[in-house]
Amino acid sequence: MSARTPLPTVNERDTENHTSVDGYTEPHIQPTKSSSRQNIPRCRNSITSATDEQPHIGNYRLQKTIGKGNFAKVKLARHVLTGREVAVKIIDKTQLNPTSLQKVFN
């Protein structure tokens, strides 16, 4: 059995704004009444463009929220290369007291 490395800690607000772990923020186009498909970036593969617009953490694309608590959310995620589904717990560290915060990292 191989040892797994933990995923990096990510601020949930960053995932809601489509920000990846490396800090790259994907552009968000606000639709207007006069907007058409001209404003949408074109890609050769429509599946690729849809995938690029989803929030992600590393090689995992975040999907729907499957659980919610006082200081964390659990989201369904899919590995980009293998397609394997996993659950990702996103902890809002600003809501934790120092004792609880210490438990997260132990």
PDB file of N, CA and C in Angstrom:
ATOM      1  N   MET A   1       0.848  -1.181   0.000  1.00  0.00           N
ATOM      2  CA  MET A   1       0.000   0.000   0.000  1.00  0.00           C
ATOM      3  C   MET A   1       0.889   1.238   0.000  1.00  0.00           C
ATOM      4  N   SER A   2       0.636   2.137  -0.914  1.00  0.00           N
ATOM      5  CA  SER A   2       1.469   3.331  -1.015  1.00  0.00           C
ATOM      6  C   SER A   2       0.953   4.433  -0.099  1.00  0.00           C
ATOM      7  N   ALA A   3       1.878   5.263   0.357  1.00  0.00           N
ATOM      8  CA  ALA A   3       1.494   6.382   1.226  1.00  0.00           C
ATOM      9  C   ALA A   3       0.905   7.491   0.364  1.00  0.00           C
ATOM     10  N   ARG A   4      -0.183   8.072   0.819  1.00  0.00           N
ATOM     11  CA  ARG A   4      -0.827   9.155   0.083  1.00  0.00           C
ATOM     12  C   ARG A   4      -0.417  10.490   0.670  1.00  0.00           C
ATOM     13  N   THR A   5      -0.212  11.439  -0.195  1.00  0.00           N
ATOM     14  CA  THR A   5       0.088  12.784   0.285  1.00  0.00           C
ATOM     15  C   THR A   5      -1.222  13.547   0.400  1.00  0.00           C
ATOM     16  N   PRO A   6      -1.398  14.311   1.474  1.00  0.00           N
ATOM     17  CA  PRO A   6      -2.655  15.046   1.650  1.00  0.00           C
ATOM     18  C   PRO A   6      -2.776  16.176   0.633  1.00  0.00           C
ATOM     19  N   LEU A   7      -4.019  16.482   0.274  1.00  0.00           N
ATOM     20  CA  LEU A   7      -4.269  17.608  -0.621  1.00  0.00           C
ATOM     21  C   LEU A   7      -3.994  18.914   0.109  1.00  0.00           C
ATOM     22  N   PRO A   8      -3.586  19.950  -0.599  1.00  0.00           N
ATOM     23  CA  PRO A   8      -3.326  21.232   0.061  1.00  0.00           C
ATOM     24  C   PRO A   8      -4.608  21.840   0.613  1.00  0.00           C
ATOM     25  N   THR A   9      -4.464  22.624   1.679  1.00  0.00           N
ATOM     26  CA  THR A   9      -5.602  23.311   2.274  1.00  0.00           C
ATOM     27  C   THR A   9      -6.010  24.467   1.370  1.00  0.00           C
ATOM     28  N   VAL A  10      -7.319  24.591   1.142  1.00  0.00           N
ATOM     29  CA  VAL A  10      -7.829  25.616   0.241  1.00  0.00           C
ATOM     30  C   VAL A  10      -8.951  26.368   0.931  1.00  0.00           C
ATOM     31  N   ASN A  11      -8.933  27.675   0.827  1.00  0.00           N
ATOM     32  CA  ASN A  11      -9.996  28.494   1.385  1.00  0.00           C
ATOM     33  C   ASN A  11     -11.252  28.300   0.544  1.00  0.00           C
ATOM     34  N   GLU A  12     -12.389  28.022   1.180  1.00  0.00           N
ATOM     35  CA  GLU A  12     -13.625  27.750   0.444  1.00  0.00           C
ATOM     36  C   GLU A  12     -14.050  28.924  -0.415  1.00  0.00           C
ATOM     37  N   ARG A  13     -13.822  30.124   0.063  1.00  0.00           N
ATOM     38  CA  ARG A  13     -14.192  31.291  -0.738  1.00  0.00           C
ATOM     39  C   ARG A  13     -13.457  31.273  -2.070  1.00  0.00           C
ATOM     40  N   ASP A  14     -12.231  30.752  -2.070  1.00  0.00           N
ATOM     41  CA  ASP A  14     -11.479  30.650  -3.312  1.00  0.00           C
ATOM     42  C   ASP A  14     -12.133  29.670  -4.270  1.00  0.00           C
ATOM     43  N   THR A  15     -12.673  28.572  -3.755  1.00  0.00           N
ATOM     44  CA  THR A  15     -13.312  27.598  -4.638  1.00  0.00           C
ATOM     45  C   THR A  15     -14.602  28.152  -5.203  1.00  0.00           C
ATOM     46  N   GLU A  16     -15.301  28.964  -4.439  1.00  0.00           N
ATOM     47  CA  GLU A  16     -16.537  29.555  -4.941  1.00  0.00           C
ATOM     48  C   GLU A  16     -16.241  30.546  -6.056  1.00  0.00           C
ATOM     49  N   ASN A  17     -15.054  31.142  -6.057  1.00  0.00           N
ATOM     50  CA  ASN A  17     -14.672  32.102  -7.090  1.00  0.00           C
ATOM     51  C   ASN A  17     -13.840  31.458  -8.187  1.00  0.00           C
ATOM     52  N   HIS A  18     -13.855  30.135  -8.266  1.00  0.00           N
ATOM     53  CA  HIS A  18     -13.153  29.387  -9.297  1.00  0.00           C
ATOM     54  C   HIS A  18     -11.652  29.644  -9.248  1.00  0.00           C
ATOM     55  N   THR A  19     -11.063  29.616  -8.078  1.00  0.00           N
ATOM     56  CA  THR A  19      -9.637  29.837  -7.939  1.00  0.00           C
ATOM     57  C   THR A  19      -8.950  28.512  -7.686  1.00  0.00           C
ATOM     58  N   SER A  20      -7.887  28.252  -8.382  1.00  0.00           N
ATOM     59  CA  SER A  20      -7.172  27.003  -8.198  1.00  0.00           C
ATOM     60  C   SER A  20      -6.151  27.152  -7.080  1.00  0.00           C
ATOM     61  N   VAL A  21      -5.518  26.040  -6.727  1.00  0.00           N
ATOM     62  CA  VAL A  21      -4.547  26.018  -5.638  1.00  0.00           C
ATOM     63  C   VAL A  21      -3.369  26.936  -5.934  1.00  0.00           C
ATOM     64  N   ASP A  22      -2.978  27.036  -7.212  1.00  0.00           N
ATOM     65  CA  ASP A  22      -1.828  27.867  -7.545  1.00  0.00           C
ATOM     66  C   ASP A  22      -2.152  29.356  -7.576  1.00  0.00           C
ATOM     67  N   GLY A  23      -3.383  29.727  -7.227  1.00  0.00           N
ATOM     68  CA  GLY A  23      -3.754  31.127  -7.138  1.00  0.00           C
ATOM     69  C   GLY A  23      -4.293  31.715  -8.426  1.00  0.00           C
ATOM     70  N   TYR A  24      -4.356  30.931  -9.491  1.00  0.00           N
ATOM     71  CA  TYR A  24      -4.867  31.416 -10.768  1.00  0.00           C
ATOM     72  C   TYR A  24      -6.380  31.538 -10.694  1.00  0.00           C
ATOM     73  N   THR A  25      -6.898  32.714 -10.955  1.00  0.00           N
ATOM     74  CA  THR A  25      -8.342  32.935 -10.942  1.00  0.00           C
ATOM     75  C   THR A  25      -8.849  32.919 -12.366  1.00  0.00           C
ATOM     76  N   GLU A  26      -9.818  32.050 -12.620  1.00  0.00           N
ATOM     77  CA  GLU A  26     -10.390  31.970 -13.952  1.00  0.00           C
ATOM     78  C   GLU A  26     -11.322  33.157 -14.165  1.00  0.00           C
ATOM     79  N   PRO A  27     -11.330  33.730 -15.358  1.00  0.00           N
ATOM     80  CA  PRO A  27     -12.198  34.879 -15.610  1.00  0.00           C
ATOM     81  C   PRO A  27     -13.663  34.486 -15.544  1.00  0.00           C
ATOM     82  N   HIS A  28     -14.463  35.374 -15.000  1.00  0.00           N
ATOM     83  CA  HIS A  28     -15.900  35.146 -14.909  1.00  0.00           C
ATOM     84  C   HIS A  28     -16.588  36.205 -15.746  1.00  0.00           C
ATOM     85  N   ILE A  29     -17.344  35.770 -16.745  1.00  0.00           N
ATOM     86  CA  ILE A  29     -18.022  36.701 -17.638  1.00  0.00           C
ATOM     87  C   ILE A  29     -19.449  36.877 -17.155  1.00  0.00           C
ATOM     88  N   GLN A  30     -19.817  38.106 -16.839  1.00  0.00           N
ATOM     89  CA  GLN A  30     -21.179  38.423 -16.394  1.00  0.00           C
ATOM     90  C   GLN A  30     -22.051  38.564 -17.632  1.00  0.00           C
ATOM     91  N   PRO A  31     -23.122  37.768 -17.761  1.00  0.00           N
ATOM     92  CA  PRO A  31     -23.985  37.904 -18.928  1.00  0.00           C
ATOM     93  C   PRO A  31     -24.800  39.195 -18.875  1.00  0.00           C
ATOM     94  N   THR A  32     -25.008  39.780 -20.025  1.00  0.00           N
ATOM     95  CA  THR A  32     -25.866  40.957 -20.134  1.00  0.00           C
ATOM     96  C   THR A  32     -26.996  40.636 -21.101  1.00  0.00           C
ATOM     97  N   LYS A  33     -27.990  41.503 -21.165  1.00  0.00           N
ATOM     98  CA  LYS A  33     -29.129  41.261 -22.053  1.00  0.00           C
ATOM     99  C   LYS A  33     -28.697  41.215 -23.513  1.00  0.00           C
ATOM    100  N   SER A  34     -27.714  42.013 -23.873  1.00  0.00           N
ATOM    101  CA  SER A  34     -27.282  42.061 -25.264  1.00  0.00           C
ATOM    102  C   SER A  34     -26.155  41.080 -25.569  1.00  0.00           C
ATOM    103  N   SER A  35     -25.726  40.324 -24.559  1.00  0.00           N
ATOM    104  CA  SER A  35     -24.601  39.419 -24.787  1.00  0.00           C
ATOM    105  C   SER A  35     -25.035  38.225 -25.622  1.00  0.00           C
ATOM    106  N   SER A  36     -24.115  37.726 -26.372  1.00  0.00           N
ATOM    107  CA  SER A  36     -24.372  36.536 -27.172  1.00  0.00           C
ATOM    108  C   SER A  36     -23.189  35.607 -27.013  1.00  0.00           C
ATOM    109  N   ARG A  37     -23.147  34.588 -27.807  1.00  0.00           N
ATOM    110  CA  ARG A  37     -22.067  33.615 -27.713  1.00  0.00           C
ATOM    111  C   ARG A  37     -20.722  34.230 -28.102  1.00  0.00           C
ATOM    112  N   GLN A  38     -20.714  35.438 -28.647  1.00  0.00           N
ATOM    113  CA  GLN A  38     -19.467  36.078 -29.036  1.00  0.00           C
ATOM    114  C   GLN A  38     -18.561  36.312 -27.833  1.00  0.00           C
ATOM    115  N   ASN A  39     -19.134  36.549 -26.658  1.00  0.00           N
ATOM    116  CA  ASN A  39     -18.352  36.854 -25.468  1.00  0.00           C
ATOM    117  C   ASN A  39     -17.748  35.618 -24.815  1.00  0.00           C
ATOM    118  N   ILE A  40     -18.207  34.442 -25.207  1.00  0.00           N
ATOM    119  CA  ILE A  40     -17.720  33.210 -24.599  1.00  0.00           C
ATOM    120  C   ILE A  40     -16.465  32.767 -25.338  1.00  0.00           C
ATOM    121  N   PRO A  41     -15.378  32.480 -24.582  1.00  0.00           N
ATOM    122  CA  PRO A  41     -14.161  32.030 -25.248  1.00  0.00           C
ATOM    123  C   PRO A  41     -14.420  30.729 -26.004  1.00  0.00           C
ATOM    124  N   ARG A  42     -13.928  30.656 -27.212  1.00  0.00           N
ATOM    125  CA  ARG A  42     -14.149  29.458 -28.018  1.00  0.00           C
ATOM    126  C   ARG A  42     -12.997  28.483 -27.836  1.00  0.00           C
ATOM    127  N   CYS A  43     -13.342  27.216 -27.765  1.00  0.00           N
ATOM    128  CA  CYS A  43     -12.358  26.150 -27.663  1.00  0.00           C
ATOM    129  C   CYS A  43     -12.660  25.132 -28.747  1.00  0.00           C
ATOM    130  N   ARG A  44     -11.683  24.345 -29.090  1.00  0.00           N
ATOM    131  CA  ARG A  44     -11.915  23.313 -30.093  1.00  0.00           C
ATOM    132  C   ARG A  44     -12.861  22.246 -29.582  1.00  0.00           C
ATOM    133  N   ASN A  45     -12.816  22.005 -28.291  1.00  0.00           N
ATOM    134  CA  ASN A  45     -13.637  20.953 -27.710  1.00  0.00           C
ATOM    135  C   ASN A  45     -14.563  21.580 -26.679  1.00  0.00           C
ATOM    136  N   SER A  46     -15.864  21.488 -26.894  1.00  0.00           N
ATOM    137  CA  SER A  46     -16.806  22.126 -25.974  1.00  0.00           C
ATOM    138  C   SER A  46     -16.760  21.495 -24.593  1.00  0.00           C
ATOM    139  N   ILE A  47     -16.413  20.211 -24.505  1.00  0.00           N
ATOM    140  CA  ILE A  47     -16.316  19.547 -23.206  1.00  0.00           C
ATOM    141  C   ILE A  47     -15.166  20.159 -22.410  1.00  0.00           C
ATOM    142  N   THR A  48     -14.068  20.444 -23.074  1.00  0.00           N
ATOM    143  CA  THR A  48     -12.925  21.055 -22.405  1.00  0.00           C
ATOM    144  C   THR A  48     -13.287  22.422 -21.852  1.00  0.00           C
ATOM    145  N   SER A  49     -13.998  23.227 -22.623  1.00  0.00           N
ATOM    146  CA  SER A  49     -14.338  24.565 -22.150  1.00  0.00           C
ATOM    147  C   SER A  49     -15.286  24.499 -20.964  1.00  0.00           C
ATOM    148  N   ALA A  50     -16.212  23.544 -20.954  1.00  0.00           N
ATOM    149  CA  ALA A  50     -17.127  23.401 -19.824  1.00  0.00           C
ATOM    150  C   ALA A  50     -16.366  22.964 -18.586  1.00  0.00           C
ATOM    151  N   THR A  51     -15.397  22.077 -18.751  1.00  0.00           N
ATOM    152  CA  THR A  51     -14.609  21.592 -17.625  1.00  0.00           C
ATOM    153  C   THR A  51     -13.725  22.698 -17.067  1.00  0.00           C
ATOM    154  N   ASP A  52     -13.155  23.539 -17.936  1.00  0.00           N
ATOM    155  CA  ASP A  52     -12.267  24.604 -17.485  1.00  0.00           C
ATOM    156  C   ASP A  52     -12.991  25.643 -16.643  1.00  0.00           C
ATOM    157  N   GLU A  53     -14.297  25.788 -16.808  1.00  0.00           N
ATOM    158  CA  GLU A  53     -15.040  26.795 -16.074  1.00  0.00           C
ATOM    159  C   GLU A  53     -15.477  26.317 -14.699  1.00  0.00           C
ATOM    160  N   GLN A  54     -15.333  25.022 -14.408  1.00  0.00           N
ATOM    161  CA  GLN A  54     -15.729  24.497 -13.109  1.00  0.00           C
ATOM    162  C   GLN A  54     -14.630  24.775 -12.090  1.00  0.00           C
ATOM    163  N   PRO A  55     -15.011  24.996 -10.819  1.00  0.00           N
ATOM    164  CA  PRO A  55     -13.984  25.177  -9.786  1.00  0.00           C
ATOM    165  C   PRO A  55     -13.184  23.893  -9.620  1.00  0.00           C
ATOM    166  N   HIS A  56     -11.913  24.033  -9.283  1.00  0.00           N
ATOM    167  CA  HIS A  56     -11.070  22.855  -9.141  1.00  0.00           C
ATOM    168  C   HIS A  56     -10.028  23.047  -8.053  1.00  0.00           C
ATOM    169  N   ILE A  57      -9.557  21.909  -7.547  1.00  0.00           N
ATOM    170  CA  ILE A  57      -8.459  21.858  -6.586  1.00  0.00           C
ATOM    171  C   ILE A  57      -7.471  20.859  -7.149  1.00  0.00           C
ATOM    172  N   GLY A  58      -6.323  21.339  -7.571  1.00  0.00           N
ATOM    173  CA  GLY A  58      -5.348  20.449  -8.183  1.00  0.00           C
ATOM    174  C   GLY A  58      -5.944  19.792  -9.414  1.00  0.00           C
ATOM    175  N   ASN A  59      -5.892  18.454  -9.468  1.00  0.00           N
ATOM    176  CA  ASN A  59      -6.452  17.709 -10.595  1.00  0.00           C
ATOM    177  C   ASN A  59      -7.885  17.265 -10.353  1.00  0.00           C
ATOM    178  N   TYR A  60      -8.551  17.855  -9.377  1.00  0.00           N
ATOM    179  CA  TYR A  60      -9.927  17.479  -9.052  1.00  0.00           C
ATOM    180  C   TYR A  60     -10.877  18.620  -9.393  1.00  0.00           C
ATOM    181  N   ARG A  61     -11.940  18.306 -10.120  1.00  0.00           N
ATOM    182  CA  ARG A  61     -12.993  19.268 -10.437  1.00  0.00           C
ATOM    183  C   ARG A  61     -14.080  19.146  -9.382  1.00  0.00           C
ATOM    184  N   LEU A  62     -14.397  20.251  -8.736  1.00  0.00           N
ATOM    185  CA  LEU A  62     -15.439  20.239  -7.714  1.00  0.00           C
ATOM    186  C   LEU A  62     -16.803  20.225  -8.373  1.00  0.00           C
ATOM    187  N   GLN A  63     -17.698  19.410  -7.796  1.00  0.00           N
ATOM    188  CA  GLN A  63     -19.050  19.309  -8.321  1.00  0.00           C
ATOM    189  C   GLN A  63     -20.015  19.783  -7.251  1.00  0.00           C
ATOM    190  N   LYS A  64     -21.025  19.027  -6.943  1.00  0.00           N
ATOM    191  CA  LYS A  64     -22.056  19.494  -6.017  1.00  0.00           C
ATOM    192  C   LYS A  64     -21.656  19.305  -4.555  1.00  0.00           C
ATOM    193  N   THR A  65     -22.300  20.082  -3.677  1.00  0.00           N
ATOM    194  CA  THR A  65     -22.112  19.953  -2.235  1.00  0.00           C
ATOM    195  C   THR A  65     -22.935  18.768  -1.755  1.00  0.00           C
ATOM    196  N   ILE A  66     -22.279  17.842  -1.035  1.00  0.00           N
ATOM    197  CA  ILE A  66     -22.998  16.669  -0.533  1.00  0.00           C
ATOM    198  C   ILE A  66     -23.160  16.697   0.979  1.00  0.00           C
ATOM    199  N   GLY A  67     -22.555  17.669   1.645  1.00  0.00           N
ATOM    200  CA  GLY A  67     -22.710  17.812   3.085  1.00  0.00           C
ATOM    201  C   GLY A  67     -22.284  19.193   3.533  1.00  0.00           C
ATOM    202  N   LYS A  68     -22.901  19.656   4.622  1.00  0.00           N
ATOM    203  CA  LYS A  68     -22.613  21.007   5.097  1.00  0.00           C
ATOM    204  C   LYS A  68     -22.671  21.007   6.613  1.00  0.00           C
ATOM    205  N   GLY A  69     -21.691  21.644   7.248  1.00  0.00           N
ATOM    206  CA  GLY A  69     -21.671  21.769   8.700  1.00  0.00           C
ATOM    207  C   GLY A  69     -21.429  23.208   9.103  1.00  0.00           C
ATOM    208  N   ASN A  70     -21.100  23.407  10.388  1.00  0.00           N
ATOM    209  CA  ASN A  70     -20.875  24.761  10.897  1.00  0.00           C
ATOM    210  C   ASN A  70     -19.636  25.419  10.302  1.00  0.00           C
ATOM    211  N   PHE A  71     -18.582  24.646  10.066  1.00  0.00           N
ATOM    212  CA  PHE A  71     -17.349  25.240   9.566  1.00  0.00           C
ATOM    213  C   PHE A  71     -16.757  24.490   8.375  1.00  0.00           C
ATOM    214  N   ALA A  72     -17.519  23.599   7.766  1.00  0.00           N
ATOM    215  CA  ALA A  72     -16.989  22.855   6.625  1.00  0.00           C
ATOM    216  C   ALA A  72     -18.100  22.441   5.673  1.00  0.00           C
ATOM    217  N   LYS A  73     -17.693  22.189   4.438  1.00  0.00           N
ATOM    218  CA  LYS A  73     -18.574  21.625   3.417  1.00  0.00           C
ATOM    219  C   LYS A  73     -17.876  20.407   2.844  1.00  0.00           C
ATOM    220  N   VAL A  74     -18.666  19.420   2.457  1.00  0.00           N
ATOM    221  CA  VAL A  74     -18.124  18.261   1.759  1.00  0.00           C
ATOM    222  C   VAL A  74     -18.675  18.314   0.344  1.00  0.00           C
ATOM    223  N   LYS A  75     -17.754  18.321  -0.612  1.00  0.00           N
ATOM    224  CA  LYS A  75     -18.161  18.418  -2.011  1.00  0.00           C
ATOM    225  C   LYS A  75     -17.730  17.168  -2.762  1.00  0.00           C
ATOM    226  N   LEU A  76     -18.543  16.800  -3.727  1.00  0.00           N
ATOM    227  CA  LEU A  76     -18.200  15.717  -4.625  1.00  0.00           C
ATOM    228  C   LEU A  76     -17.204  16.267  -5.631  1.00  0.00           C
ATOM    229  N   ALA A  77     -16.142  15.514  -5.900  1.00  0.00           N
ATOM    230  CA  ALA A  77     -15.136  15.949  -6.861  1.00  0.00           C
ATOM    231  C   ALA A  77     -14.783  14.772  -7.760  1.00  0.00           C
ATOM    232  N   ARG A  78     -14.303  15.090  -8.938  1.00  0.00           N
ATOM    233  CA  ARG A  78     -13.921  14.051  -9.893  1.00  0.00           C
ATOM    234  C   ARG A  78     -12.494  14.329 -10.361  1.00  0.00           C
ATOM    235  N   HIS A  79     -11.659  13.275 -10.352  1.00  0.00           N
ATOM    236  CA  HIS A  79     -10.286  13.406 -10.821  1.00  0.00           C
ATOM    237  C   HIS A  79     -10.307  13.613 -12.334  1.00  0.00           C
ATOM    238  N   VAL A  80      -9.569  14.608 -12.805  1.00  0.00           N
ATOM    239  CA  VAL A  80      -9.605  14.987 -14.212  1.00  0.00           C
ATOM    240  C   VAL A  80      -9.111  13.855 -15.112  1.00  0.00           C
ATOM    241  N   LEU A  81      -8.034  13.194 -14.732  1.00  0.00           N
ATOM    242  CA  LEU A  81      -7.431  12.188 -15.599  1.00  0.00           C
ATOM    243  C   LEU A  81      -8.109  10.827 -15.506  1.00  0.00           C
ATOM    244  N   THR A  82      -8.417  10.379 -14.294  1.00  0.00           N
ATOM    245  CA  THR A  82      -8.968   9.032 -14.112  1.00  0.00           C
ATOM    246  C   THR A  82     -10.487   9.005 -14.072  1.00  0.00           C
ATOM    247  N   GLY A  83     -11.122  10.136 -13.758  1.00  0.00           N
ATOM    248  CA  GLY A  83     -12.575  10.175 -13.654  1.00  0.00           C
ATOM    249  C   GLY A  83     -13.107   9.632 -12.339  1.00  0.00           C
ATOM    250  N   ARG A  84     -12.220   9.278 -11.427  1.00  0.00           N
ATOM    251  CA  ARG A  84     -12.635   8.714 -10.141  1.00  0.00           C
ATOM    252  C   ARG A  84     -13.291   9.782  -9.275  1.00  0.00           C
ATOM    253  N   GLU A  85     -14.435   9.427  -8.668  1.00  0.00           N
ATOM    254  CA  GLU A  85     -15.139  10.360  -7.791  1.00  0.00           C
ATOM    255  C   GLU A  85     -14.617  10.236  -6.369  1.00  0.00           C
ATOM    256  N   VAL A  86     -14.451  11.380  -5.719  1.00  0.00           N
ATOM    257  CA  VAL A  86     -13.998  11.427  -4.330  1.00  0.00           C
ATOM    258  C   VAL A  86     -14.807  12.489  -3.595  1.00  0.00           C
ATOM    259  N   ALA A  87     -14.737  12.449  -2.277  1.00  0.00           N
ATOM    260  CA  ALA A  87     -15.342  13.490  -1.447  1.00  0.00           C
ATOM    261  C   ALA A  87     -14.220  14.391  -0.942  1.00  0.00           C
ATOM    262  N   VAL A  88     -14.421  15.693  -1.039  1.00  0.00           N
ATOM    263  CA  VAL A  88     -13.431  16.670  -0.587  1.00  0.00           C
ATOM    264  C   VAL A  88     -14.060  17.501   0.518  1.00  0.00           C
ATOM    265  N   LYS A  89     -13.400  17.540   1.677  1.00  0.00           N
ATOM    266  CA  LYS A  89     -13.894  18.349   2.788  1.00  0.00           C
ATOM    267  C   LYS A  89     -13.190  19.698   2.741  1.00  0.00           C
ATOM    268  N   ILE A  90     -13.972  20.754   2.670  1.00  0.00           N
ATOM    269  CA  ILE A  90     -13.441  22.115   2.603  1.00  0.00           C
ATOM    270  C   ILE A  90     -13.737  22.786   3.933  1.00  0.00           C
ATOM    271  N   ILE A  91     -12.680  23.108   4.667  1.00  0.00           N
ATOM    272  CA  ILE A  91     -12.815  23.652   6.019  1.00  0.00           C
ATOM    273  C   ILE A  91     -12.575  25.157   5.997  1.00  0.00           C
ATOM    274  N   ASP A  92     -13.509  25.905   6.570  1.00  0.00           N
ATOM    275  CA  ASP A  92     -13.358  27.352   6.715  1.00  0.00           C
ATOM    276  C   ASP A  92     -12.614  27.601   8.025  1.00  0.00           C
ATOM    277  N   LYS A  93     -11.308  27.793   7.932  1.00  0.00           N
ATOM    278  CA  LYS A  93     -10.478  27.931   9.133  1.00  0.00           C
ATOM    279  C   LYS A  93     -10.788  29.194   9.920  1.00  0.00           C
ATOM    280  N   THR A  94     -11.422  30.165   9.296  1.00  0.00           N
ATOM    281  CA  THR A  94     -11.765  31.393  10.025  1.00  0.00           C
ATOM    282  C   THR A  94     -12.856  31.143  11.056  1.00  0.00           C
ATOM    283  N   GLN A  95     -13.607  30.049  10.922  1.00  0.00           N
ATOM    284  CA  GLN A  95     -14.690  29.728  11.847  1.00  0.00           C
ATOM    285  C   GLN A  95     -14.227  28.867  13.019  1.00  0.00           C
ATOM    286  N   LEU A  96     -12.977  28.415  13.009  1.00  0.00           N
ATOM    287  CA  LEU A  96     -12.481  27.503  14.036  1.00  0.00           C
ATOM    288  C   LEU A  96     -11.786  28.249  15.162  1.00  0.00           C
ATOM    289  N   ASN A  97     -11.950  27.730  16.378  1.00  0.00           N
ATOM    290  CA  ASN A  97     -11.166  28.257  17.490  1.00  0.00           C
ATOM    291  C   ASN A  97      -9.791  27.583  17.440  1.00  0.00           C
ATOM    292  N   PRO A  98      -8.791  28.084  18.169  1.00  0.00           N
ATOM    293  CA  PRO A  98      -7.433  27.539  18.082  1.00  0.00           C
ATOM    294  C   PRO A  98      -7.339  26.038  18.381  1.00  0.00           C
ATOM    295  N   THR A  99      -8.128  25.541  19.320  1.00  0.00           N
ATOM    296  CA  THR A  99      -8.084  24.115  19.658  1.00  0.00           C
ATOM    297  C   THR A  99      -8.586  23.274  18.488  1.00  0.00           C
ATOM    298  N   SER A 100      -9.698  23.670  17.914  1.00  0.00           N
ATOM    299  CA  SER A 100     -10.246  22.934  16.772  1.00  0.00           C
ATOM    300  C   SER A 100      -9.319  23.025  15.567  1.00  0.00           C
ATOM    301  N   LEU A 101      -8.722  24.171  15.373  1.00  0.00           N
ATOM    302  CA  LEU A 101      -7.802  24.361  14.266  1.00  0.00           C
ATOM    303  C   LEU A 101      -6.602  23.433  14.396  1.00  0.00           C
ATOM    304  N   GLN A 102      -6.121  23.252  15.618  1.00  0.00           N
ATOM    305  CA  GLN A 102      -4.993  22.362  15.856  1.00  0.00           C
ATOM    306  C   GLN A 102      -5.375  20.915  15.536  1.00  0.00           C
ATOM    307  N   LYS A 103      -6.611  20.514  15.825  1.00  0.00           N
ATOM    308  CA  LYS A 103      -7.073  19.153  15.537  1.00  0.00           C
ATOM    309  C   LYS A 103      -7.100  18.881  14.037  1.00  0.00           C
ATOM    310  N   VAL A 104      -7.382  19.900  13.252  1.00  0.00           N
ATOM    311  CA  VAL A 104      -7.445  19.730  11.803  1.00  0.00           C
ATOM    312  C   VAL A 104      -6.093  19.307  11.252  1.00  0.00           C
ATOM    313  N   PHE A 105      -5.013  19.826  11.811  1.00  0.00           N
ATOM    314  CA  PHE A 105      -3.683  19.557  11.283  1.00  0.00           C
ATOM    315  C   PHE A 105      -2.967  18.414  11.991  1.00  0.00           C
ATOM    316  N   ASN A 106      -3.616  17.746  12.912  1.00  0.00           N
ATOM    317  CA  ASN A 106      -2.998  16.587  13.588  1.00  0.00           C
ATOM    318  C   ASN A 106      -3.631  15.308  13.160  1.00  0.00           C
TER     319      ASN A 106
END
